C-alpha atoms as a PDB file:
ATOM      1  CA  UNK A   1       8.735   2.184 -22.970  1.00  0.00           C
ATOM      2  CA  UNK A   2       4.819   3.672 -22.746  1.00  0.00           C
ATOM      3  CA  UNK A   3       3.957  -0.268 -23.285  1.00  0.00           C
ATOM      4  CA  UNK A   4       6.199  -1.234 -20.517  1.00  0.00           C
ATOM      5  CA  UNK A   5       5.022   1.043 -18.112  1.00  0.00           C
ATOM      6  CA  UNK A   6       1.259   0.097 -18.743  1.00  0.00           C
ATOM      7  CA  UNK A   7       1.831  -3.607 -18.535  1.00  0.00           C
ATOM      8  CA  UNK A   8       3.882  -2.723 -15.168  1.00  0.00           C
ATOM      9  CA  UNK A   9       0.859  -0.761 -14.118  1.00  0.00           C
ATOM     10  CA  UNK A  10      -1.590  -3.526 -15.055  1.00  0.00           C
ATOM     11  CA  UNK A  11       0.345  -5.992 -13.170  1.00  0.00           C
ATOM     12  CA  UNK A  12       0.131  -3.542  -9.840  1.00  0.00           C
ATOM     13  CA  UNK A  13      -3.914  -4.126 -10.477  1.00  0.00           C
ATOM     14  CA  UNK A  14      -3.696  -7.314 -10.706  1.00  0.00           C
ATOM     15  CA  UNK A  15      -1.551  -7.927  -7.560  1.00  0.00           C
ATOM     16  CA  UNK A  16      -3.602  -5.182  -5.462  1.00  0.00           C
ATOM     17  CA  UNK A  17      -6.814  -6.603  -6.429  1.00  0.00           C
ATOM     18  CA  UNK A  18      -5.911 -10.486  -5.756  1.00  0.00           C
ATOM     19  CA  UNK A  19      -3.931  -9.674  -2.568  1.00  0.00           C
ATOM     20  CA  UNK A  20      -5.027  -6.236  -1.586  1.00  0.00           C
ATOM     21  CA  UNK A  21      -5.527  -7.914   2.254  1.00  0.00           C
ATOM     22  CA  UNK A  22      -2.382  -9.108   2.494  1.00  0.00           C
ATOM     23  CA  UNK A  23      -0.549  -5.958   1.156  1.00  0.00           C
ATOM     24  CA  UNK A  24      -2.996  -3.763   3.744  1.00  0.00           C
ATOM     25  CA  UNK A  25      -1.939  -6.146   6.323  1.00  0.00           C
ATOM     26  CA  UNK A  26       2.115  -5.817   5.537  1.00  0.00           C
ATOM     27  CA  UNK A  27       1.263  -1.876   5.617  1.00  0.00           C
ATOM     28  CA  UNK A  28      -0.182  -2.313   8.567  1.00  0.00           C
ATOM     29  CA  UNK A  29       3.132  -4.239  10.257  1.00  0.00           C
ATOM     30  CA  UNK A  30       5.384  -1.962   8.658  1.00  0.00           C
ATOM     31  CA  UNK A  31       3.907   0.659  10.420  1.00  0.00           C
ATOM     32  CA  UNK A  32       3.757  -0.890  13.473  1.00  0.00           C
ATOM     33  CA  UNK A  33       7.341  -1.524  13.485  1.00  0.00           C
ATOM     34  CA  UNK A  34       8.510   2.080  12.647  1.00  0.00           C
ATOM     35  CA  UNK A  35       6.258   3.136  15.086  1.00  0.00           C
ATOM     36  CA  UNK A  36       8.152   0.848  17.633  1.00  0.00           C
ATOM     37  CA  UNK A  37      11.325   1.725  16.468  1.00  0.00           C
ATOM     38  CA  UNK A  38      10.680   5.834  17.158  1.00  0.00           C
ATOM     39  CA  UNK A  39       8.694   4.859  20.422  1.00  0.00           C
ATOM     40  CA  UNK A  40       6.035   6.361  19.423  1.00  0.00           C
ATOM     41  CA  UNK A  41       7.553   9.673  18.703  1.00  0.00           C
ATOM     42  CA  UNK A  42       5.778   9.948  15.123  1.00  0.00           C
ATOM     43  CA  UNK A  43       2.954   7.772  15.326  1.00  0.00           C
ATOM     44  CA  UNK A  44       0.497  10.059  13.831  1.00  0.00           C
ATOM     45  CA  UNK A  45       2.372  10.665  10.992  1.00  0.00           C
ATOM     46  CA  UNK A  46       3.186   7.314  10.636  1.00  0.00           C
ATOM     47  CA  UNK A  47      -0.925   6.222  10.824  1.00  0.00           C
ATOM     48  CA  UNK A  48      -1.381   9.061   8.116  1.00  0.00           C
ATOM     49  CA  UNK A  49       0.952   7.433   5.860  1.00  0.00           C
ATOM     50  CA  UNK A  50      -0.306   3.937   6.611  1.00  0.00           C
ATOM     51  CA  UNK A  51      -3.861   4.684   5.879  1.00  0.00           C
ATOM     52  CA  UNK A  52      -3.034   6.748   2.963  1.00  0.00           C
ATOM     53  CA  UNK A  53      -1.262   3.837   1.165  1.00  0.00           C
ATOM     54  CA  UNK A  54      -3.970   1.297   2.263  1.00  0.00           C
ATOM     55  CA  UNK A  55      -6.503   3.517   0.722  1.00  0.00           C
ATOM     56  CA  UNK A  56      -4.545   3.702  -2.668  1.00  0.00           C
ATOM     57  CA  UNK A  57      -4.158  -0.063  -2.402  1.00  0.00           C
ATOM     58  CA  UNK A  58      -7.640  -0.596  -2.387  1.00  0.00           C
ATOM     59  CA  UNK A  59      -8.007   1.952  -4.929  1.00  0.00           C
ATOM     60  CA  UNK A  60      -5.816   0.288  -7.447  1.00  0.00           C
ATOM     61  CA  UNK A  61      -7.620  -3.192  -6.678  1.00  0.00           C
ATOM     62  CA  UNK A  62     -10.735  -1.625  -7.737  1.00  0.00           C
ATOM     63  CA  UNK A  63      -9.742  -0.261 -11.159  1.00  0.00           C
ATOM     64  CA  UNK A  64      -9.921  -2.348 -14.294  1.00  0.00           C
ATOM     65  CA  UNK A  65      -7.845  -1.811 -17.330  1.00  0.00           C
END
């Protein structure tokens, strides 16, 4: 089971490294969609979550196995 989790982690790192910019753009679009659907009611919280998720994807993309 540990090997399966390690492979999954490695795959996530590879994807983040290869496609981090696309993932980041997607997160931004999802955040904008949610913000629109909630009529800006939770903009600050949505922006915080999107920023943290983008930072995590960037960090994950920089990791080496």
